[in-house]
Amino acid sequence: MAATRLELNLMRLLSRCEALAAERRDPEEWRLEKYVAALEDMLRELKKQSSKPAPELLNEYSRKVDFLKGLLEAEKLSSSTEKALANQFLAPGRTPTTAKERTPATKTVHLQTKARCTGQMRSELLGTVRSCKCLFSPCSCRGLASDEKQSAVELDAVLQHHQDMQEKLAEEMLSLARSLKNNTLAAQNVIKQDNQTLSHSLRMADQNFEKLKDESDRLEQHAKKSVNWLLWIMLIVVCFIFISMILFIRIFPKLK
């Protein structure tokens, strides 16, 4: 079933919200919150329509809208620990919103947000420890700064690893889809050839049946003609014998 205008607008706005959520926003940024509120209204109207999409698709839309709403609520928390805990309970979407996406954008946003919250927690922890130790040793401050850089590098490596795993999984799924498509096309060609062979066999059987019927009619007519000629020949022979007997009696009278 084709998507309605309301559903198309919902998909466009949802894609825009996912793009905004993936960016680093200012604390005074208000567009995403307004967009999410508009998404909730559009989703409610879509559920009320008679030509609404499939229940699985509606659940996926609701899941993504709830994720964005929970993401905004988590950003309003004051502590980075509370933000990280709130992000742990968020459930991103399972399918991409647009055909251009390899992986769901909400899942990428979820990973970025978790990494950002983890980085903030580490920064706060390292900052607290550094402020305490710098009072006693400047060398320890330089060591903590290097540890912080190393942690950031490790975090980037983990994110890159997750990204590589997602791309590898997407490539494998794409390869499986291609293989399934090729097998389906091959099976379709075989079935098509079998249908053509069966159709040709049926046509040949019909033609042979028509020829056999014609030959049977001709044989029957020939048999009827042969019987008629034989009957006439027998009548002629009988008449000839009868006339011959009469002539014989006339020519040769009975002896006294």
C-alpha atoms as a PDB file:
ATOM      1  CA  MET A   1       0.000   0.000   0.000  1.00  0.00           C
ATOM      2  CA  ALA A   2       1.360   3.443  -0.973  1.00  0.00           C
ATOM      3  CA  ALA A   3       2.323   5.824   1.810  1.00  0.00           C
ATOM      4  CA  THR A   4      -0.043   8.715   2.513  1.00  0.00           C
ATOM      5  CA  ARG A   5       1.004  12.357   2.518  1.00  0.00           C
ATOM      6  CA  LEU A   6       0.949  12.434   6.326  1.00  0.00           C
ATOM      7  CA  GLU A   7       3.222   9.396   6.515  1.00  0.00           C
ATOM      8  CA  LEU A   8       5.670  10.915   4.014  1.00  0.00           C
ATOM      9  CA  ASN A   9       5.780  14.151   6.036  1.00  0.00           C
ATOM     10  CA  LEU A  10       6.340  12.099   9.189  1.00  0.00           C
ATOM     11  CA  MET A  11       9.256  10.253   7.581  1.00  0.00           C
ATOM     12  CA  ARG A  12      10.858  13.497   6.344  1.00  0.00           C
ATOM     13  CA  LEU A  13      10.537  15.196   9.724  1.00  0.00           C
ATOM     14  CA  LEU A  14      11.809  12.072  11.496  1.00  0.00           C
ATOM     15  CA  SER A  15      14.862  11.976   9.245  1.00  0.00           C
ATOM     16  CA  ARG A  16      15.499  15.669   9.951  1.00  0.00           C
ATOM     17  CA  CYS A  17      15.221  15.094  13.709  1.00  0.00           C
ATOM     18  CA  GLU A  18      17.689  12.199  13.527  1.00  0.00           C
ATOM     19  CA  ALA A  19      20.142  14.415  11.650  1.00  0.00           C
ATOM     20  CA  LEU A  20      19.783  17.172  14.263  1.00  0.00           C
ATOM     21  CA  ALA A  21      20.220  14.691  17.108  1.00  0.00           C
ATOM     22  CA  ALA A  22      23.473  13.444  15.562  1.00  0.00           C
ATOM     23  CA  GLU A  23      24.942  16.971  15.539  1.00  0.00           C
ATOM     24  CA  ARG A  24      26.509  18.792  18.471  1.00  0.00           C
ATOM     25  CA  ARG A  25      23.867  21.289  19.527  1.00  0.00           C
ATOM     26  CA  ASP A  26      23.968  24.382  21.650  1.00  0.00           C
ATOM     27  CA  PRO A  27      22.128  24.241  24.975  1.00  0.00           C
ATOM     28  CA  GLU A  28      19.792  26.947  23.674  1.00  0.00           C
ATOM     29  CA  GLU A  29      18.848  24.948  20.571  1.00  0.00           C
ATOM     30  CA  TRP A  30      15.055  24.663  20.487  1.00  0.00           C
ATOM     31  CA  ARG A  31      14.268  23.228  17.050  1.00  0.00           C
ATOM     32  CA  LEU A  32      14.685  19.558  17.919  1.00  0.00           C
ATOM     33  CA  GLU A  33      12.288  19.766  20.842  1.00  0.00           C
ATOM     34  CA  LYS A  34       9.644  21.464  18.693  1.00  0.00           C
ATOM     35  CA  TYR A  35      10.170  18.948  15.901  1.00  0.00           C
ATOM     36  CA  VAL A  36       9.744  16.002  18.288  1.00  0.00           C
ATOM     37  CA  ALA A  37       6.502  17.505  19.620  1.00  0.00           C
ATOM     38  CA  ALA A  38       5.272  17.852  16.027  1.00  0.00           C
ATOM     39  CA  LEU A  39       6.260  14.223  15.414  1.00  0.00           C
ATOM     40  CA  GLU A  40       4.121  13.100  18.347  1.00  0.00           C
ATOM     41  CA  ASP A  41       1.101  14.977  16.963  1.00  0.00           C
ATOM     42  CA  MET A  42       1.602  13.569  13.455  1.00  0.00           C
ATOM     43  CA  LEU A  43       1.989  10.051  14.831  1.00  0.00           C
ATOM     44  CA  ARG A  44      -1.264  10.335  16.766  1.00  0.00           C
ATOM     45  CA  GLU A  45      -3.076  11.550  13.637  1.00  0.00           C
ATOM     46  CA  LEU A  46      -1.537   8.741  11.580  1.00  0.00           C
ATOM     47  CA  LYS A  47      -2.817   6.110  14.024  1.00  0.00           C
ATOM     48  CA  LYS A  48      -6.340   7.528  13.699  1.00  0.00           C
ATOM     49  CA  GLN A  49      -6.445   7.321   9.896  1.00  0.00           C
ATOM     50  CA  SER A  50      -8.319   4.526   8.161  1.00  0.00           C
ATOM     51  CA  SER A  51      -5.508   3.953   5.653  1.00  0.00           C
ATOM     52  CA  LYS A  52      -2.820   3.716   8.296  1.00  0.00           C
ATOM     53  CA  PRO A  53       0.373   1.686   7.680  1.00  0.00           C
ATOM     54  CA  ALA A  54       1.099  -1.782   9.024  1.00  0.00           C
ATOM     55  CA  PRO A  55       1.272  -2.247  12.818  1.00  0.00           C
ATOM     56  CA  GLU A  56       4.985  -3.149  12.632  1.00  0.00           C
ATOM     57  CA  LEU A  57       5.742   0.117  10.848  1.00  0.00           C
ATOM     58  CA  LEU A  58       3.687   2.122  13.335  1.00  0.00           C
ATOM     59  CA  ASN A  59       5.546   0.482  16.218  1.00  0.00           C
ATOM     60  CA  GLU A  60       8.857   1.401  14.569  1.00  0.00           C
ATOM     61  CA  TYR A  61       7.762   5.049  14.209  1.00  0.00           C
ATOM     62  CA  SER A  62       6.662   5.126  17.856  1.00  0.00           C
ATOM     63  CA  ARG A  63       9.963   3.566  18.925  1.00  0.00           C
ATOM     64  CA  LYS A  64      11.996   6.238  17.128  1.00  0.00           C
ATOM     65  CA  VAL A  65       9.854   9.117  18.409  1.00  0.00           C
ATOM     66  CA  ASP A  66      10.095   7.794  21.979  1.00  0.00           C
ATOM     67  CA  PHE A  67      13.866   7.492  21.556  1.00  0.00           C
ATOM     68  CA  LEU A  68      14.191  11.126  20.459  1.00  0.00           C
ATOM     69  CA  LYS A  69      11.908  12.258  23.276  1.00  0.00           C
ATOM     70  CA  GLY A  70      13.924  10.301  25.854  1.00  0.00           C
ATOM     71  CA  LEU A  71      17.145  11.700  24.379  1.00  0.00           C
ATOM     72  CA  LEU A  72      15.925  15.257  24.940  1.00  0.00           C
ATOM     73  CA  GLU A  73      14.852  14.463  28.490  1.00  0.00           C
ATOM     74  CA  ALA A  74      18.248  12.880  29.215  1.00  0.00           C
ATOM     75  CA  GLU A  75      20.066  15.985  27.938  1.00  0.00           C
ATOM     76  CA  LYS A  76      18.183  18.132  30.438  1.00  0.00           C
ATOM     77  CA  LEU A  77      19.683  16.228  33.374  1.00  0.00           C
ATOM     78  CA  SER A  78      22.416  18.032  35.278  1.00  0.00           C
ATOM     79  CA  SER A  79      24.800  15.180  36.095  1.00  0.00           C
ATOM     80  CA  SER A  80      26.719  13.281  33.409  1.00  0.00           C
ATOM     81  CA  THR A  81      26.191  10.088  35.419  1.00  0.00           C
ATOM     82  CA  GLU A  82      22.440  10.559  35.275  1.00  0.00           C
ATOM     83  CA  LYS A  83      22.672  11.266  31.550  1.00  0.00           C
ATOM     84  CA  ALA A  84      24.669   8.096  30.958  1.00  0.00           C
ATOM     85  CA  LEU A  85      22.208   6.036  33.033  1.00  0.00           C
ATOM     86  CA  ALA A  86      19.217   7.509  31.185  1.00  0.00           C
ATOM     87  CA  ASN A  87      20.846   6.779  27.815  1.00  0.00           C
ATOM     88  CA  GLN A  88      21.320   3.149  28.799  1.00  0.00           C
ATOM     89  CA  PHE A  89      17.535   2.708  28.924  1.00  0.00           C
ATOM     90  CA  LEU A  90      16.871   4.310  25.529  1.00  0.00           C
ATOM     91  CA  ALA A  91      15.823   1.950  22.718  1.00  0.00           C
ATOM     92  CA  PRO A  92      16.800   3.120  19.207  1.00  0.00           C
ATOM     93  CA  GLY A  93      14.992   2.111  16.024  1.00  0.00           C
ATOM     94  CA  ARG A  94      15.602  -1.238  14.359  1.00  0.00           C
ATOM     95  CA  THR A  95      15.240  -0.222  10.686  1.00  0.00           C
ATOM     96  CA  PRO A  96      16.577   2.748   8.672  1.00  0.00           C
ATOM     97  CA  THR A  97      14.209   5.657   8.140  1.00  0.00           C
ATOM     98  CA  THR A  98      15.324   6.339   4.550  1.00  0.00           C
ATOM     99  CA  ALA A  99      16.698   4.093   1.827  1.00  0.00           C
ATOM    100  CA  LYS A 100      20.033   5.941   1.902  1.00  0.00           C
ATOM    101  CA  GLU A 101      20.834   4.757   5.427  1.00  0.00           C
ATOM    102  CA  ARG A 102      22.814   1.543   5.867  1.00  0.00           C
ATOM    103  CA  THR A 103      22.206   1.405   9.601  1.00  0.00           C
ATOM    104  CA  PRO A 104      19.411   3.086  11.573  1.00  0.00           C
ATOM    105  CA  ALA A 105      20.305   6.696  12.346  1.00  0.00           C
ATOM    106  CA  THR A 106      18.865   6.412  15.853  1.00  0.00           C
ATOM    107  CA  LYS A 107      21.288   3.576  16.619  1.00  0.00           C
ATOM    108  CA  THR A 108      24.215   5.750  15.504  1.00  0.00           C
ATOM    109  CA  VAL A 109      22.902   8.640  17.610  1.00  0.00           C
ATOM    110  CA  HIS A 110      22.576   6.280  20.563  1.00  0.00           C
ATOM    111  CA  LEU A 111      26.209   5.176  20.253  1.00  0.00           C
ATOM    112  CA  GLN A 112      27.401   8.771  19.886  1.00  0.00           C
ATOM    113  CA  THR A 113      25.394   9.897  22.904  1.00  0.00           C
ATOM    114  CA  LYS A 114      26.693   7.034  25.042  1.00  0.00           C
ATOM    115  CA  ALA A 115      30.254   7.838  23.995  1.00  0.00           C
ATOM    116  CA  ARG A 116      29.711  11.536  24.741  1.00  0.00           C
ATOM    117  CA  CYS A 117      28.283  10.810  28.182  1.00  0.00           C
ATOM    118  CA  THR A 118      31.122   8.403  28.934  1.00  0.00           C
ATOM    119  CA  GLY A 119      33.636  11.034  27.846  1.00  0.00           C
ATOM    120  CA  GLN A 120      31.988  13.632  30.075  1.00  0.00           C
ATOM    121  CA  MET A 121      32.072  11.255  33.027  1.00  0.00           C
ATOM    122  CA  ARG A 122      35.753  10.530  32.436  1.00  0.00           C
ATOM    123  CA  SER A 123      36.527  14.209  32.016  1.00  0.00           C
ATOM    124  CA  GLU A 124      34.762  15.061  35.259  1.00  0.00           C
ATOM    125  CA  LEU A 125      36.484  12.216  37.085  1.00  0.00           C
ATOM    126  CA  LEU A 126      39.909  13.046  35.670  1.00  0.00           C
ATOM    127  CA  GLY A 127      39.318  16.740  36.285  1.00  0.00           C
ATOM    128  CA  THR A 128      38.448  16.079  39.920  1.00  0.00           C
ATOM    129  CA  VAL A 129      41.451  13.848  40.458  1.00  0.00           C
ATOM    130  CA  ARG A 130      43.724  16.261  38.616  1.00  0.00           C
ATOM    131  CA  SER A 131      42.549  19.246  40.684  1.00  0.00           C
ATOM    132  CA  CYS A 132      43.321  17.290  43.843  1.00  0.00           C
ATOM    133  CA  LYS A 133      46.729  16.008  42.735  1.00  0.00           C
ATOM    134  CA  CYS A 134      47.911  19.166  41.063  1.00  0.00           C
ATOM    135  CA  LEU A 135      48.061  20.774  44.472  1.00  0.00           C
ATOM    136  CA  PHE A 136      50.854  18.347  45.341  1.00  0.00           C
ATOM    137  CA  SER A 137      52.623  17.550  42.089  1.00  0.00           C
ATOM    138  CA  PRO A 138      52.623  19.381  38.712  1.00  0.00           C
ATOM    139  CA  CYS A 139      54.063  16.243  37.097  1.00  0.00           C
ATOM    140  CA  SER A 140      50.951  14.311  38.012  1.00  0.00           C
ATOM    141  CA  CYS A 141      48.854  16.928  36.162  1.00  0.00           C
ATOM    142  CA  ARG A 142      50.774  16.250  32.978  1.00  0.00           C
ATOM    143  CA  GLY A 143      50.333  12.513  33.544  1.00  0.00           C
ATOM    144  CA  LEU A 144      46.584  12.908  33.965  1.00  0.00           C
ATOM    145  CA  ALA A 145      46.386  14.994  30.819  1.00  0.00           C
ATOM    146  CA  SER A 146      48.154  12.249  28.881  1.00  0.00           C
ATOM    147  CA  ASP A 147      45.805   9.657  30.443  1.00  0.00           C
ATOM    148  CA  GLU A 148      42.844  11.738  29.352  1.00  0.00           C
ATOM    149  CA  LYS A 149      44.158  11.878  25.789  1.00  0.00           C
ATOM    150  CA  GLN A 150      44.760   8.141  25.846  1.00  0.00           C
ATOM    151  CA  SER A 151      41.205   7.532  27.069  1.00  0.00           C
ATOM    152  CA  ALA A 152      39.870   9.703  24.264  1.00  0.00           C
ATOM    153  CA  VAL A 153      41.917   7.736  21.739  1.00  0.00           C
ATOM    154  CA  GLU A 154      40.643   4.445  23.161  1.00  0.00           C
ATOM    155  CA  LEU A 155      37.079   5.739  22.989  1.00  0.00           C
ATOM    156  CA  ASP A 156      37.542   6.727  19.358  1.00  0.00           C
ATOM    157  CA  ALA A 157      38.977   3.282  18.637  1.00  0.00           C
ATOM    158  CA  VAL A 158      35.956   1.599  20.226  1.00  0.00           C
ATOM    159  CA  LEU A 159      33.574   3.755  18.210  1.00  0.00           C
ATOM    160  CA  GLN A 160      35.515   3.015  15.030  1.00  0.00           C
ATOM    161  CA  HIS A 161      35.397  -0.703  15.817  1.00  0.00           C
ATOM    162  CA  HIS A 162      31.620  -0.557  16.258  1.00  0.00           C
ATOM    163  CA  GLN A 163      31.306   1.363  13.016  1.00  0.00           C
ATOM    164  CA  ASP A 164      33.456  -1.186  11.166  1.00  0.00           C
ATOM    165  CA  MET A 165      31.417  -4.062  12.585  1.00  0.00           C
ATOM    166  CA  GLN A 166      28.193  -2.393  11.459  1.00  0.00           C
ATOM    167  CA  GLU A 167      29.572  -1.815   7.962  1.00  0.00           C
ATOM    168  CA  LYS A 168      30.774  -5.427   7.773  1.00  0.00           C
ATOM    169  CA  LEU A 169      27.372  -6.678   8.889  1.00  0.00           C
ATOM    170  CA  ALA A 170      25.677  -4.452   6.323  1.00  0.00           C
ATOM    171  CA  GLU A 171      27.974  -5.794   3.584  1.00  0.00           C
ATOM    172  CA  GLU A 172      27.206  -9.391   4.598  1.00  0.00           C
ATOM    173  CA  MET A 173      23.479  -8.712   4.580  1.00  0.00           C
ATOM    174  CA  LEU A 174      23.805  -7.063   1.173  1.00  0.00           C
ATOM    175  CA  SER A 175      25.766 -10.063  -0.127  1.00  0.00           C
ATOM    176  CA  LEU A 176      23.101 -12.438   1.188  1.00  0.00           C
ATOM    177  CA  ALA A 177      20.404 -10.334  -0.439  1.00  0.00           C
ATOM    178  CA  ARG A 178      22.254 -10.456  -3.768  1.00  0.00           C
ATOM    179  CA  SER A 179      22.699 -14.235  -3.486  1.00  0.00           C
ATOM    180  CA  LEU A 180      19.023 -14.685  -2.656  1.00  0.00           C
ATOM    181  CA  LYS A 181      18.070 -12.500  -5.607  1.00  0.00           C
ATOM    182  CA  ASN A 182      20.290 -14.492  -7.986  1.00  0.00           C
ATOM    183  CA  ASN A 183      18.881 -17.799  -6.731  1.00  0.00           C
ATOM    184  CA  THR A 184      15.358 -16.483  -7.113  1.00  0.00           C
ATOM    185  CA  LEU A 185      16.047 -15.322 -10.678  1.00  0.00           C
ATOM    186  CA  ALA A 186      17.633 -18.682 -11.548  1.00  0.00           C
ATOM    187  CA  ALA A 187      14.653 -20.579 -10.137  1.00  0.00           C
ATOM    188  CA  GLN A 188      12.314 -18.242 -12.001  1.00  0.00           C
ATOM    189  CA  ASN A 189      14.140 -18.935 -15.278  1.00  0.00           C
ATOM    190  CA  VAL A 190      14.001 -22.699 -14.709  1.00  0.00           C
ATOM    191  CA  ILE A 191      10.280 -22.546 -13.945  1.00  0.00           C
ATOM    192  CA  LYS A 192       9.727 -20.387 -17.010  1.00  0.00           C
ATOM    193  CA  GLN A 193      11.573 -22.868 -19.235  1.00  0.00           C
ATOM    194  CA  ASP A 194       9.594 -25.773 -17.737  1.00  0.00           C
ATOM    195  CA  ASN A 195       6.352 -23.918 -18.419  1.00  0.00           C
ATOM    196  CA  GLN A 196       7.397 -23.301 -22.026  1.00  0.00           C
ATOM    197  CA  THR A 197       8.308 -26.986 -22.473  1.00  0.00           C
ATOM    198  CA  LEU A 198       4.997 -28.065 -20.954  1.00  0.00           C
ATOM    199  CA  SER A 199       3.073 -25.663 -23.183  1.00  0.00           C
ATOM    200  CA  HIS A 200       4.906 -26.972 -26.262  1.00  0.00           C
ATOM    201  CA  SER A 201       4.152 -30.571 -25.239  1.00  0.00           C
ATOM    202  CA  LEU A 202       0.472 -29.744 -24.787  1.00  0.00           C
ATOM    203  CA  ARG A 203       0.330 -28.082 -28.217  1.00  0.00           C
ATOM    204  CA  MET A 204       2.013 -31.098 -29.827  1.00  0.00           C
ATOM    205  CA  ALA A 205      -0.420 -33.440 -28.059  1.00  0.00           C
ATOM    206  CA  ASP A 206      -3.381 -31.406 -29.313  1.00  0.00           C
ATOM    207  CA  GLN A 207      -2.004 -31.427 -32.868  1.00  0.00           C
ATOM    208  CA  ASN A 208      -1.395 -35.186 -32.748  1.00  0.00           C
ATOM    209  CA  PHE A 209      -4.897 -35.741 -31.417  1.00  0.00           C
ATOM    210  CA  GLU A 210      -6.393 -33.689 -34.269  1.00  0.00           C
ATOM    211  CA  LYS A 211      -4.313 -35.600 -36.846  1.00  0.00           C
ATOM    212  CA  LEU A 212      -5.326 -38.935 -35.310  1.00  0.00           C
ATOM    213  CA  LYS A 213      -8.968 -37.895 -35.403  1.00  0.00           C
ATOM    214  CA  ASP A 214      -8.710 -36.899 -39.078  1.00  0.00           C
ATOM    215  CA  GLU A 215      -7.003 -40.175 -39.991  1.00  0.00           C
ATOM    216  CA  SER A 216      -9.649 -42.130 -38.096  1.00  0.00           C
ATOM    217  CA  ASP A 217     -12.405 -40.354 -40.028  1.00  0.00           C
ATOM    218  CA  ARG A 218     -10.646 -41.033 -43.327  1.00  0.00           C
ATOM    219  CA  LEU A 219     -10.139 -44.703 -42.430  1.00  0.00           C
ATOM    220  CA  GLU A 220     -13.787 -45.017 -41.474  1.00  0.00           C
ATOM    221  CA  GLN A 221     -14.912 -43.483 -44.749  1.00  0.00           C
ATOM    222  CA  HIS A 222     -12.539 -45.733 -46.699  1.00  0.00           C
ATOM    223  CA  ALA A 223     -13.881 -48.792 -44.870  1.00  0.00           C
ATOM    224  CA  LYS A 224     -17.457 -47.782 -45.710  1.00  0.00           C
ATOM    225  CA  LYS A 225     -16.533 -47.350 -49.381  1.00  0.00           C
ATOM    226  CA  SER A 226     -14.833 -50.759 -49.481  1.00  0.00           C
ATOM    227  CA  VAL A 227     -17.939 -52.482 -48.030  1.00  0.00           C
ATOM    228  CA  ASN A 228     -20.204 -50.775 -50.595  1.00  0.00           C
ATOM    229  CA  TRP A 229     -18.065 -51.908 -53.540  1.00  0.00           C
ATOM    230  CA  LEU A 230     -17.918 -55.487 -52.228  1.00  0.00           C
ATOM    231  CA  LEU A 231     -21.684 -55.545 -51.840  1.00  0.00           C
ATOM    232  CA  TRP A 232     -22.239 -54.401 -55.407  1.00  0.00           C
ATOM    233  CA  ILE A 233     -19.756 -56.969 -56.750  1.00  0.00           C
ATOM    234  CA  MET A 234     -21.521 -59.767 -54.883  1.00  0.00           C
ATOM    235  CA  LEU A 235     -24.921 -58.672 -56.241  1.00  0.00           C
ATOM    236  CA  ILE A 236     -23.563 -58.600 -59.768  1.00  0.00           C
ATOM    237  CA  VAL A 237     -22.048 -62.083 -59.384  1.00  0.00           C
ATOM    238  CA  VAL A 238     -25.327 -63.502 -58.015  1.00  0.00           C
ATOM    239  CA  CYS A 239     -27.330 -61.944 -60.845  1.00  0.00           C
ATOM    240  CA  PHE A 240     -24.860 -63.290 -63.402  1.00  0.00           C
ATOM    241  CA  ILE A 241     -25.095 -66.789 -61.952  1.00  0.00           C
ATOM    242  CA  PHE A 242     -28.896 -66.615 -61.889  1.00  0.00           C
ATOM    243  CA  ILE A 243     -29.130 -65.518 -65.522  1.00  0.00           C
ATOM    244  CA  SER A 244     -26.579 -68.127 -66.542  1.00  0.00           C
ATOM    245  CA  MET A 245     -28.631 -70.898 -64.910  1.00  0.00           C
ATOM    246  CA  ILE A 246     -31.776 -69.783 -66.716  1.00  0.00           C
ATOM    247  CA  LEU A 247     -29.991 -69.755 -70.067  1.00  0.00           C
ATOM    248  CA  PHE A 248     -28.478 -73.128 -69.337  1.00  0.00           C
ATOM    249  CA  ILE A 249     -31.895 -74.602 -68.617  1.00  0.00           C
ATOM    250  CA  ARG A 250     -33.351 -73.102 -71.799  1.00  0.00           C
ATOM    251  CA  ILE A 251     -30.554 -74.282 -74.004  1.00  0.00           C
ATOM    252  CA  PHE A 252     -30.322 -77.789 -72.606  1.00  0.00           C
ATOM    253  CA  PRO A 253     -33.871 -79.107 -72.003  1.00  0.00           C
ATOM    254  CA  LYS A 254     -34.557 -81.974 -69.700  1.00  0.00           C
ATOM    255  CA  LEU A 255     -33.918 -85.405 -71.192  1.00  0.00           C
ATOM    256  CA  LYS A 256     -36.940 -87.651 -71.676  1.00  0.00           C
END
